[in-house]
Amino acid sequence: MKKRGQRRNPVRERKQPKLSLTRPLESLLSRPPSLKQHPQIHASSNNILQSDSSKLSSTAADASDFGSTEILSQDFFCTLDYITPECQNLFVDFDANKEHISCPASPEKLKTVKSRRLKQDGSFVKSPASMLDHQQAVELANDTNYVNENKTGKTAATALDNGPNYVPKSAIALRCRVMPPPCLKNPYIKDAVEMDVDPFGSWRTKCSGYLSASAGAESMSRYCTDFQEIEQIGNGNFSHVYKVLKRIDGCLYAVKRSTKQLCLDTERRKALMEVQALAALGFHENIVAYHTSWFENEQLYIQMELCDYSLSSYNTSCSLTEEEVLEVFLQIARALQYIHAGGIAHLDVKPENIYVKNGGYKLGDFGCATLLDNSLPIEEGDARYMPQEILNEKYDHLDKVDIFSLGVSIYELLRGSSLPDAVHQLLREGKLPLLPSNSLQLQNLIKLMVDPDPTRRPSARELVKNPIFTRIL
């Protein structure tokens, strides 16, 4: 046994907190591990345990000399590393007389690569249990076998390339489809609720351009889900009109869809002017009925009443009699009276926007509708049916603009063909070429409607009360 002065105790060098030993060491040494299960190595194990016990007793004696306030090193409590053998029959061929027998090797920990997640700054986060040294981390970063090539690899590469705030296009497209439309004030309704907010305005800007290219657009389409498209019945510069069958009620409707995507807020608000005007007017027997509208893939859809045809297509096939023209005249005049009473001007009255259904005539296409008080932007309709003051950008008498357009339309229906540009210019000057086959009373009324001075033109109410319509009443 070595003397106390010749041995340096590592406990004093570490300067750890001092604890007292409450359990005697002899009690730990008096219980050797049981080896009765292997009698062939019992004698060898006893020799090893006696040798180790003498060493531990010597160490314990040294430790007891320091007093109860000293703490022993963790190495003091270490015993032999008995490792569970990989094979249960390992001790069958064990020979106790042989020396320097190698202990069975511990199984090596598999170097499996765990999934790594990304921080917001694009760097990888390592779990404490899988921390590697710098060289291994570099090799791991260069190795792409741990990533799924079809999904995870592409997603991680895309996220790193697009920065920390990258959002997948599919997520943006889905967010836009479930996004409610903006809550806008209807300018055509008097005493309307003062609400003009769009809490999703920033999202709509991000959504522009994603919806058309996103996969599975038709699977989430309200138009494709609720309607069965039959044929296209109208084509314009800003929209197409389709004849559709609504699946849930089995009725036919006309759906008007904008031709271009309305990505900007100003474009959407401009397109909604027609919807708001129709909704504000409500139902009238001489106005094409409005049902509902919605945005889809940045396009505006308007579900409306389906009519048989418009007078522009009928005008090219056959001409109308004077009594039939008077019927059109009276019903559209009633529609204008109702519209003007609501403070709205149509600004696009022409045979193409006069529709026929079940023998009645209806005014449609309110894409240029505005308020009579000039509080809204003014967009003129077909220039061929516009008076001179509109072409000169004078908007003081917008209701009389509709009267002029109706007069030109009635004159065209009486003639039975479209008017050349020279005749349109004569009508703007108040010069009406006579029609020998029609009554002078009707032609004089039309001449009064196209007077160059808008204040001299009759109002819609005065037209409805004109005695000329007693012929058809």
Foldseek 3Di string as FASTA:
>chain_A
DDDLVVDDAVQVVVPDFWAFDPDDVVVVLVDDDDDVVPVQCPVLVVVVSVVVSVVLVVVSVSVPVVPRRGDHDPVSPDDDDDDDDPDPCPCVPDHSPDPPDDDDDDDDDDLDDDDWDADLQLDTDDDPVNDDDPVVVVVVVPDPPVADPPPRVVVSVVCNVVHSPDDDLQVLLVCVLPQDDFDDWQPLAPPTDPDGDDPCVVSLLVNPPSNVPDPPQLVSDPPNVQWDWDAWDADDPFWTKTWIAGPPPRDIWIKIKTPDAQSDPVSVVLQCNQVSLQVNLADDPQAWHWDDWDAGSRMIITITHDFDAFQQVVLQPWADDPLLLLQLLQSVLVVLVSSVVSQKFQQADARRQWTHHPRHIHGYDSSQMDGLVPPDDGDHYDPLQFAPCVVVVNRNGRQLRVLSSSLQRSLCRNVSHDDDSVQSVCLNCLHHDDDVVDDPVSVVLSSQSSHNDSVSRDGSVVSNPDPVSVVND
